[in-house]
Amino acid sequence: MNWLSSSSGVVLTAYHPSGKDQVAGDSHAKGGDEATSSRRYGQYTINQEGSTKVPERPPFDRSSSQDSLDESMEAYWTELENIKRSNENRQEGQEAIVVKEPDEGELEEEWLKEAGLSNLFGESIDDPQESILFLSTLTRTQAAAVQKRVETVSQTLRKKNKQHHIRDVRDIFAQQREAQEKPPDDSDLRSVRTNENKGQGKDDQPSSGAVDSKEQISRVPEDTPASETDINLEVSFAEQAVNQKEFSKERTQKISGNDSLPSFRLPKDKTGTTRIGDLAPQDMKKVCSLSLIELTALYDVLGLEFKQQKAVKIKTRDSGLFGIPLTILLEQDQRKVPGTRIPLIFQKLISRIEEGSLETEGLLRIPGAAMRIKNLCQELEAKFYEGTFNWESVKQHDAASLLKLFLRELPQPLLSMEYLKAFQAVQNLPTRKEQLQALNLLVILLPDANRDTLKALLEFLQRVIDNKEKNKMTAGNVAMVMAPNLFMCHTLGLKSSEQREFEMAAGTANVMHLLIRYQKILWTIPKFIVIQVRKQNIENQKKERKAMKKLLKKMAYDREKHEKQDKTANGADVPQGVIRVQAPHLSKVSMAIQLTEELKASDVLARFLSQESGVAQTLKKGEVFLYEIGGNIGERCLDDDTHMKDLYQLNPNAEWVIKSKPV
């Protein structure tokens, strides 16, 4: 067993059966407690190093990925004990979720539905054309993950003697392979495939269909100290894992007990970095389906089990602040402040903490008085929306305790009931890079309300860490204090065994640390997934055009006329190498712009904004963005560094519009 220790000399040395568990004293690691040689936090004894020998045989082993934080786990156990005390005063009437073990094949059915592949089984199996188009855009590892789930569902349905037709999964995937082998007859698809590989070396080309990945991905040393490592978003994460395995039978660079978090960075992409919120809803839905398939494929390649937890409906209050589902809370808030995406009480609590200075020592770690917190909760419930609550009466540590209480009291966890276990399981992935990749996909899969609130939380926690010299709250300390509040869902109604809590402690703190450290990367949509969305859109357009041709057969529309219409739709009489940018809400509503190698989206915006008056120009700066609309994408907000010529080559039939982001 690897023991977690720190320079302060505190070592976690033993776990105790529940019958012997007691808590020594009511103080929170202050006063006389600090002089005590042996203290209990939760169910575990923490001894000062040197006073007790470490047992030669610990009760159980933990994976090495759990021993990732430099600090001792004292802050975690203290926070756990504070939570248990707080739960004793928790308001009654909140139902515990009783999770029923799903029937065989039930989770796989849910998985296929969420992946948008429900018509691969059941009553719609007779018309699988839509799914075959979808499957044709998948990588080999993604297709294998889908096939594995379809086979499980098919076997289950046969066992249950379902009356509807159960098609042999091999037939479906045989059709998918035939579709992949057909030569492309669409210029848009060719442009996507050409630009997919542009700027990449032979080793970095995305793997799809029957393409061999052995020669595609160059091996990058992992966790390189004192330098930044590019995180590869152009190649499927699962394909990278396959390639890594082929390069090395032994998984080198595994996480060790004294491992520090490496510095990853996003490489520059000439076609622009796509972040969550940049795409239209219909494309974001495709991104979520592909992310679920990719995440499952990654776990399959690494030999780990990926299972979603089935969400369970429970009775909750339909108004209030604490213990209210995020969606209902936001509906309340949007009646007060239209367009609100983060609960108002959550925003106000963060604001109140920051008003008291982020340099306060022990911020987030030191709890408020339990009785005072209970009274504040009741008062907030009664007065918050009336605007009569006296915020001056809320001390900083009380506000921090209320913030953590808000997270714990959510009827379903902030990380979602479906994916909470998947977030926890990230600790079992063998390398930091793969942990980061899995978290990236999981963040994409979160419901909008959960994801937006999580983002606000992580940004706040980073601001706390930025003041660590004064408040003594390092990234590791903050992670350990916050992990129990996000990962221990009280509504599950299950008392974890001490061994289970011990196993989870370092692992969940590690995942929390990763979420904070890499939050800027985690809200990025991988380029290979955006490329797959473009391919799906092209395939759907081809299908629609075929249907349209049948309808218009009597009107004698030939292919040349269609192509001419498509070509002129993007702007009549626009010369080659020139794009027409529309800006309906600005003084200059349209402008033809010559494409050059250096032209960026920020340059296009600057040209339009320079036509505005001085005051209007200042107001518009940062409020309007350049969008890529149509062609092989629904709608995409471009980042400032997007090279317009490269993007034009990727999507030549797009329209270019300057507008504000929708609320």
Foldseek 3Di string as FASTA:
>chain_A
DDWAAAPVQKTFAAFDAPVPADFDDDDQCDDPNVVDQWGDQAGTIIGGHPPDDRDPDYPDDFDQLLLEDNHHLSLLSSLVNVVVVLVVVDDPDQAFDAFDDDDFLPQLCVLCVLLVNNCVDDDNVVDRVLVLLLQLLDFPLLNVLNLVSLVRNLVVCVVVVDPHDNDDSVVSVVSSLVVNPDDDPDPLLVLLQVLLCPPHDQQDREGHRPDDNLRHNDDDDPLDPPDEAEQALSYQPLSVLLNCCVVDVDNPPFRHNHRDDGHYDHDDDQQFFFFPQFADPVLLSNLLSVLSSSLSSNCVSQVHDDTWRDDDDDDFDQDFQFLHALVSQVVVVCVVPPPDLARPLLVVLLVLLPVVPLLAACQLSDADDSVVLSVVRVVCRVCVVVVPDDSVPQDNRSSSNNNLNRQQSHLAHLLGRGCLVVLLCLSVDGHPSSSLSSLLSSLSNGPSSSNVNLLVVLVSVVVSCVSCVRHVQHLLSSLSSNQCSRRVHVSNVDDDGSVVCVNSRSSSSSSSSSCNVCVVVSRTRRPSSVSSLLSSLVSVVVVVVVVVCVVCVVVPDDPVNVVVCLLCVQPHPQDPQWHKEAECVAPPGIDIGGADQQDWQLNVVVVRLVPHDPVVSVVCVVFKFKWWDDQSGHIGTGDGSHRVVSNCSSGVSTHIYIDGRDD
